[in-house]
Amino acid sequence: VPLSPISNLVFKDYYLQFQHPAIT
């Protein structure tokens, strides 16, 4: 993270997407 070293994205430009609105 980032997935591509040549992109202008940084760590905070990524997220994890889950299936539900809440997790334990």
PDB file of all heavy atoms in Angstrom:
ATOM      1  N   VAL A   1       0.868  -1.177   0.000  1.00  0.00           N
ATOM      2  CA  VAL A   1       0.000   0.000   0.000  1.00  0.00           C
ATOM      3  C   VAL A   1       0.906   1.229   0.000  1.00  0.00           C
ATOM      4  O   VAL A   1       1.607   1.476   0.978  1.00  0.00           O
ATOM      5  CB  VAL A   1      -0.925   0.032   1.229  1.00  0.00           C
ATOM      6  CG1 VAL A   1      -1.831   1.260   1.176  1.00  0.00           C
ATOM      7  CG2 VAL A   1      -1.771  -1.234   1.320  1.00  0.00           C
ATOM      8  N   PRO A   2       0.922   1.979  -1.117  1.00  0.00           N
ATOM      9  CA  PRO A   2       0.054   1.851  -2.302  1.00  0.00           C
ATOM     10  C   PRO A   2       0.399   0.630  -3.148  1.00  0.00           C
ATOM     11  O   PRO A   2       1.507   0.104  -3.095  1.00  0.00           O
ATOM     12  CB  PRO A   2       0.317   3.157  -3.056  1.00  0.00           C
ATOM     13  CG  PRO A   2       1.696   3.562  -2.642  1.00  0.00           C
ATOM     14  CD  PRO A   2       1.837   3.140  -1.211  1.00  0.00           C
ATOM     15  N   LEU A   3      -0.601   0.199  -3.936  1.00  0.00           N
ATOM     16  CA  LEU A   3      -0.426  -0.974  -4.786  1.00  0.00           C
ATOM     17  C   LEU A   3       0.513  -0.706  -5.950  1.00  0.00           C
ATOM     18  O   LEU A   3       1.162  -1.620  -6.451  1.00  0.00           O
ATOM     19  CB  LEU A   3      -1.788  -1.438  -5.314  1.00  0.00           C
ATOM     20  CG  LEU A   3      -2.708  -2.087  -4.281  1.00  0.00           C
ATOM     21  CD1 LEU A   3      -4.090  -2.327  -4.866  1.00  0.00           C
ATOM     22  CD2 LEU A   3      -2.123  -3.394  -3.779  1.00  0.00           C
ATOM     23  N   SER A   4       0.570   0.521  -6.391  1.00  0.00           N
ATOM     24  CA  SER A   4       1.463   0.880  -7.490  1.00  0.00           C
ATOM     25  C   SER A   4       2.463   1.929  -7.024  1.00  0.00           C
ATOM     26  O   SER A   4       2.069   2.999  -6.541  1.00  0.00           O
ATOM     27  CB  SER A   4       0.672   1.429  -8.678  1.00  0.00           C
ATOM     28  OG  SER A   4       1.553   1.895  -9.682  1.00  0.00           O
ATOM     29  N   PRO A   5       3.767   1.658  -7.163  1.00  0.00           N
ATOM     30  CA  PRO A   5       4.765   2.630  -6.704  1.00  0.00           C
ATOM     31  C   PRO A   5       4.828   3.891  -7.559  1.00  0.00           C
ATOM     32  O   PRO A   5       5.413   4.888  -7.133  1.00  0.00           O
ATOM     33  CB  PRO A   5       6.076   1.841  -6.799  1.00  0.00           C
ATOM     34  CG  PRO A   5       5.820   0.808  -7.850  1.00  0.00           C
ATOM     35  CD  PRO A   5       4.375   0.439  -7.707  1.00  0.00           C
ATOM     36  N   ILE A   6       4.244   3.867  -8.742  1.00  0.00           N
ATOM     37  CA  ILE A   6       4.313   5.036  -9.615  1.00  0.00           C
ATOM     38  C   ILE A   6       3.064   5.912  -9.516  1.00  0.00           C
ATOM     39  O   ILE A   6       2.979   6.939 -10.183  1.00  0.00           O
ATOM     40  CB  ILE A   6       4.532   4.629 -11.086  1.00  0.00           C
ATOM     41  CG1 ILE A   6       3.356   3.780 -11.595  1.00  0.00           C
ATOM     42  CG2 ILE A   6       5.850   3.877 -11.248  1.00  0.00           C
ATOM     43  CD1 ILE A   6       3.443   3.478 -13.084  1.00  0.00           C
ATOM     44  N   SER A   7       2.112   5.512  -8.698  1.00  0.00           N
ATOM     45  CA  SER A   7       0.907   6.331  -8.539  1.00  0.00           C
ATOM     46  C   SER A   7       1.181   7.481  -7.571  1.00  0.00           C
ATOM     47  O   SER A   7       2.181   7.499  -6.858  1.00  0.00           O
ATOM     48  CB  SER A   7      -0.248   5.478  -8.015  1.00  0.00           C
ATOM     49  OG  SER A   7      -0.062   5.195  -6.636  1.00  0.00           O
ATOM     50  N   ASN A   8       0.266   8.429  -7.542  1.00  0.00           N
ATOM     51  CA  ASN A   8       0.369   9.538  -6.603  1.00  0.00           C
ATOM     52  C   ASN A   8      -0.383   9.257  -5.304  1.00  0.00           C
ATOM     53  O   ASN A   8      -0.490  10.139  -4.441  1.00  0.00           O
ATOM     54  CB  ASN A   8      -0.179  10.817  -7.239  1.00  0.00           C
ATOM     55  CG  ASN A   8       0.670  11.282  -8.406  1.00  0.00           C
ATOM     56  OD1 ASN A   8       1.896  11.209  -8.348  1.00  0.00           O
ATOM     57  ND2 ASN A   8       0.016  11.754  -9.456  1.00  0.00           N
ATOM     58  N   LEU A   9      -0.899   8.033  -5.158  1.00  0.00           N
ATOM     59  CA  LEU A   9      -1.672   7.683  -3.978  1.00  0.00           C
ATOM     60  C   LEU A   9      -0.754   7.336  -2.814  1.00  0.00           C
ATOM     61  O   LEU A   9       0.375   6.882  -2.997  1.00  0.00           O
ATOM     62  CB  LEU A   9      -2.590   6.502  -4.282  1.00  0.00           C
ATOM     63  CG  LEU A   9      -3.621   6.725  -5.392  1.00  0.00           C
ATOM     64  CD1 LEU A   9      -4.420   5.462  -5.641  1.00  0.00           C
ATOM     65  CD2 LEU A   9      -4.560   7.885  -5.045  1.00  0.00           C
ATOM     66  N   VAL A  10      -1.283   7.541  -1.608  1.00  0.00           N
ATOM     67  CA  VAL A  10      -0.559   7.205  -0.387  1.00  0.00           C
ATOM     68  C   VAL A  10      -1.437   6.298   0.470  1.00  0.00           C
ATOM     69  O   VAL A  10      -2.582   5.978   0.108  1.00  0.00           O
ATOM     70  CB  VAL A  10      -0.161   8.479   0.390  1.00  0.00           C
ATOM     71  CG1 VAL A  10       0.818   9.313  -0.422  1.00  0.00           C
ATOM     72  CG2 VAL A  10      -1.395   9.310   0.750  1.00  0.00           C
ATOM     73  N   PHE A  11      -0.914   5.885   1.604  1.00  0.00           N
ATOM     74  CA  PHE A  11      -1.578   4.896   2.445  1.00  0.00           C
ATOM     75  C   PHE A  11      -3.016   5.290   2.775  1.00  0.00           C
ATOM     76  O   PHE A  11      -3.940   4.463   2.710  1.00  0.00           O
ATOM     77  CB  PHE A  11      -0.762   4.716   3.734  1.00  0.00           C
ATOM     78  CG  PHE A  11      -1.142   3.517   4.552  1.00  0.00           C
ATOM     79  CD1 PHE A  11      -0.582   2.275   4.306  1.00  0.00           C
ATOM     80  CD2 PHE A  11      -2.050   3.638   5.597  1.00  0.00           C
ATOM     81  CE1 PHE A  11      -0.921   1.167   5.074  1.00  0.00           C
ATOM     82  CE2 PHE A  11      -2.398   2.538   6.371  1.00  0.00           C
ATOM     83  CZ  PHE A  11      -1.830   1.295   6.109  1.00  0.00           C
ATOM     84  N   LYS A  12      -3.230   6.556   3.110  1.00  0.00           N
ATOM     85  CA  LYS A  12      -4.561   6.997   3.532  1.00  0.00           C
ATOM     86  C   LYS A  12      -5.559   7.067   2.388  1.00  0.00           C
ATOM     87  O   LYS A  12      -6.749   7.327   2.627  1.00  0.00           O
ATOM     88  CB  LYS A  12      -4.472   8.341   4.236  1.00  0.00           C
ATOM     89  CG  LYS A  12      -4.050   9.494   3.333  1.00  0.00           C
ATOM     90  CD  LYS A  12      -3.984  10.798   4.116  1.00  0.00           C
ATOM     91  CE  LYS A  12      -3.588  11.963   3.209  1.00  0.00           C
ATOM     92  NZ  LYS A  12      -3.517  13.242   3.955  1.00  0.00           N
ATOM     93  N   ASP A  13      -5.107   6.823   1.154  1.00  0.00           N
ATOM     94  CA  ASP A  13      -6.017   6.789   0.011  1.00  0.00           C
ATOM     95  C   ASP A  13      -6.601   5.407  -0.217  1.00  0.00           C
ATOM     96  O   ASP A  13      -7.262   5.162  -1.229  1.00  0.00           O
ATOM     97  CB  ASP A  13      -5.288   7.245  -1.256  1.00  0.00           C
ATOM     98  CG  ASP A  13      -4.883   8.707  -1.195  1.00  0.00           C
ATOM     99  OD1 ASP A  13      -5.667   9.507  -0.650  1.00  0.00           O
ATOM    100  OD2 ASP A  13      -3.791   9.053  -1.683  1.00  0.00           O
ATOM    101  N   TYR A  14      -6.388   4.500   0.719  1.00  0.00           N
ATOM    102  CA  TYR A  14      -6.897   3.132   0.612  1.00  0.00           C
ATOM    103  C   TYR A  14      -7.858   2.843   1.752  1.00  0.00           C
ATOM    104  O   TYR A  14      -7.828   3.491   2.808  1.00  0.00           O
ATOM    105  CB  TYR A  14      -5.731   2.134   0.639  1.00  0.00           C
ATOM    106  CG  TYR A  14      -4.933   2.142  -0.645  1.00  0.00           C
ATOM    107  CD1 TYR A  14      -4.018   3.160  -0.906  1.00  0.00           C
ATOM    108  CD2 TYR A  14      -5.114   1.161  -1.612  1.00  0.00           C
ATOM    109  CE1 TYR A  14      -3.302   3.196  -2.092  1.00  0.00           C
ATOM    110  CE2 TYR A  14      -4.397   1.182  -2.797  1.00  0.00           C
ATOM    111  CZ  TYR A  14      -3.502   2.204  -3.029  1.00  0.00           C
ATOM    112  OH  TYR A  14      -2.803   2.233  -4.205  1.00  0.00           O
ATOM    113  N   TYR A  15      -8.699   1.844   1.531  1.00  0.00           N
ATOM    114  CA  TYR A  15      -9.650   1.443   2.566  1.00  0.00           C
ATOM    115  C   TYR A  15      -9.981  -0.035   2.412  1.00  0.00           C
ATOM    116  O   TYR A  15      -9.721  -0.658   1.372  1.00  0.00           O
ATOM    117  CB  TYR A  15     -10.927   2.287   2.490  1.00  0.00           C
ATOM    118  CG  TYR A  15     -11.741   2.135   1.220  1.00  0.00           C
ATOM    119  CD1 TYR A  15     -12.809   1.235   1.153  1.00  0.00           C
ATOM    120  CD2 TYR A  15     -11.463   2.895   0.084  1.00  0.00           C
ATOM    121  CE1 TYR A  15     -13.568   1.099  -0.014  1.00  0.00           C
ATOM    122  CE2 TYR A  15     -12.207   2.775  -1.072  1.00  0.00           C
ATOM    123  CZ  TYR A  15     -13.252   1.864  -1.118  1.00  0.00           C
ATOM    124  OH  TYR A  15     -13.985   1.728  -2.277  1.00  0.00           O
ATOM    125  N   LEU A  16     -10.528  -0.609   3.470  1.00  0.00           N
ATOM    126  CA  LEU A  16     -11.048  -1.968   3.444  1.00  0.00           C
ATOM    127  C   LEU A  16     -12.559  -1.904   3.363  1.00  0.00           C
ATOM    128  O   LEU A  16     -13.206  -1.161   4.114  1.00  0.00           O
ATOM    129  CB  LEU A  16     -10.636  -2.738   4.705  1.00  0.00           C
ATOM    130  CG  LEU A  16      -9.142  -2.992   4.890  1.00  0.00           C
ATOM    131  CD1 LEU A  16      -8.893  -3.679   6.226  1.00  0.00           C
ATOM    132  CD2 LEU A  16      -8.579  -3.826   3.751  1.00  0.00           C
ATOM    133  N   GLN A  17     -13.129  -2.680   2.446  1.00  0.00           N
ATOM    134  CA  GLN A  17     -14.580  -2.726   2.304  1.00  0.00           C
ATOM    135  C   GLN A  17     -15.089  -4.088   2.760  1.00  0.00           C
ATOM    136  O   GLN A  17     -14.639  -5.129   2.271  1.00  0.00           O
ATOM    137  CB  GLN A  17     -15.006  -2.475   0.860  1.00  0.00           C
ATOM    138  CG  GLN A  17     -16.520  -2.395   0.699  1.00  0.00           C
ATOM    139  CD  GLN A  17     -16.922  -2.004  -0.710  1.00  0.00           C
ATOM    140  OE1 GLN A  17     -16.472  -2.597  -1.665  1.00  0.00           O
ATOM    141  NE2 GLN A  17     -17.758  -0.978  -0.813  1.00  0.00           N
ATOM    142  N   PHE A  18     -16.025  -4.056   3.694  1.00  0.00           N
ATOM    143  CA  PHE A  18     -16.614  -5.264   4.248  1.00  0.00           C
ATOM    144  C   PHE A  18     -18.017  -5.466   3.686  1.00  0.00           C
ATOM    145  O   PHE A  18     -18.526  -4.639   2.925  1.00  0.00           O
ATOM    146  CB  PHE A  18     -16.654  -5.178   5.775  1.00  0.00           C
ATOM    147  CG  PHE A  18     -15.290  -5.223   6.418  1.00  0.00           C
ATOM    148  CD1 PHE A  18     -14.541  -4.056   6.566  1.00  0.00           C
ATOM    149  CD2 PHE A  18     -14.756  -6.415   6.877  1.00  0.00           C
ATOM    150  CE1 PHE A  18     -13.278  -4.087   7.161  1.00  0.00           C
ATOM    151  CE2 PHE A  18     -13.504  -6.457   7.477  1.00  0.00           C
ATOM    152  CZ  PHE A  18     -12.767  -5.296   7.608  1.00  0.00           C
ATOM    153  N   GLN A  19     -18.666  -6.542   4.106  1.00  0.00           N
ATOM    154  CA  GLN A  19     -20.009  -6.858   3.606  1.00  0.00           C
ATOM    155  C   GLN A  19     -21.103  -6.204   4.430  1.00  0.00           C
ATOM    156  O   GLN A  19     -22.231  -6.038   3.942  1.00  0.00           O
ATOM    157  CB  GLN A  19     -20.215  -8.376   3.625  1.00  0.00           C
ATOM    158  CG  GLN A  19     -19.341  -9.138   2.653  1.00  0.00           C
ATOM    159  CD  GLN A  19     -19.490 -10.641   2.840  1.00  0.00           C
ATOM    160  OE1 GLN A  19     -19.080 -11.185   3.853  1.00  0.00           O
ATOM    161  NE2 GLN A  19     -20.092 -11.296   1.869  1.00  0.00           N
ATOM    162  N   HIS A  20     -20.794  -5.853   5.674  1.00  0.00           N
ATOM    163  CA  HIS A  20     -21.832  -5.392   6.598  1.00  0.00           C
ATOM    164  C   HIS A  20     -21.440  -4.035   7.198  1.00  0.00           C
ATOM    165  O   HIS A  20     -20.261  -3.684   7.236  1.00  0.00           O
ATOM    166  CB  HIS A  20     -22.035  -6.427   7.711  1.00  0.00           C
ATOM    167  CG  HIS A  20     -22.243  -7.821   7.208  1.00  0.00           C
ATOM    168  ND1 HIS A  20     -23.322  -8.170   6.427  1.00  0.00           N
ATOM    169  CD2 HIS A  20     -21.487  -8.952   7.344  1.00  0.00           C
ATOM    170  CE1 HIS A  20     -23.236  -9.461   6.116  1.00  0.00           C
ATOM    171  NE2 HIS A  20     -22.131  -9.955   6.654  1.00  0.00           N
ATOM    172  N   PRO A  21     -22.397  -3.279   7.708  1.00  0.00           N
ATOM    173  CA  PRO A  21     -22.099  -1.936   8.243  1.00  0.00           C
ATOM    174  C   PRO A  21     -21.422  -1.936   9.606  1.00  0.00           C
ATOM    175  O   PRO A  21     -20.966  -0.890  10.059  1.00  0.00           O
ATOM    176  CB  PRO A  21     -23.477  -1.274   8.313  1.00  0.00           C
ATOM    177  CG  PRO A  21     -24.440  -2.409   8.418  1.00  0.00           C
ATOM    178  CD  PRO A  21     -23.857  -3.520   7.615  1.00  0.00           C
ATOM    179  N   ALA A  22     -21.371  -3.101  10.269  1.00  0.00           N
ATOM    180  CA  ALA A  22     -20.716  -3.185  11.569  1.00  0.00           C
ATOM    181  C   ALA A  22     -20.047  -4.549  11.707  1.00  0.00           C
ATOM    182  O   ALA A  22     -20.533  -5.551  11.176  1.00  0.00           O
ATOM    183  CB  ALA A  22     -21.718  -2.980  12.708  1.00  0.00           C
ATOM    184  N   ILE A  23     -18.933  -4.573  12.396  1.00  0.00           N
ATOM    185  CA  ILE A  23     -18.223  -5.819  12.677  1.00  0.00           C
ATOM    186  C   ILE A  23     -17.834  -5.815  14.148  1.00  0.00           C
ATOM    187  O   ILE A  23     -17.769  -4.771  14.786  1.00  0.00           O
ATOM    188  CB  ILE A  23     -16.971  -5.988  11.792  1.00  0.00           C
ATOM    189  CG1 ILE A  23     -16.107  -4.725  11.826  1.00  0.00           C
ATOM    190  CG2 ILE A  23     -17.348  -6.330  10.367  1.00  0.00           C
ATOM    191  CD1 ILE A  23     -14.858  -4.803  10.961  1.00  0.00           C
ATOM    192  N   THR A  24     -17.584  -6.991  14.699  1.00  0.00           N
ATOM    193  CA  THR A  24     -17.241  -7.123  16.111  1.00  0.00           C
ATOM    194  C   THR A  24     -15.730  -7.141  16.279  1.00  0.00           C
ATOM    195  O   THR A  24     -15.039  -7.933  15.641  1.00  0.00           O
ATOM    196  CB  THR A  24     -17.845  -8.410  16.692  1.00  0.00           C
ATOM    197  OG1 THR A  24     -19.257  -8.393  16.516  1.00  0.00           O
ATOM    198  CG2 THR A  24     -17.522  -8.527  18.173  1.00  0.00           C
TER     199      THR A  24
END
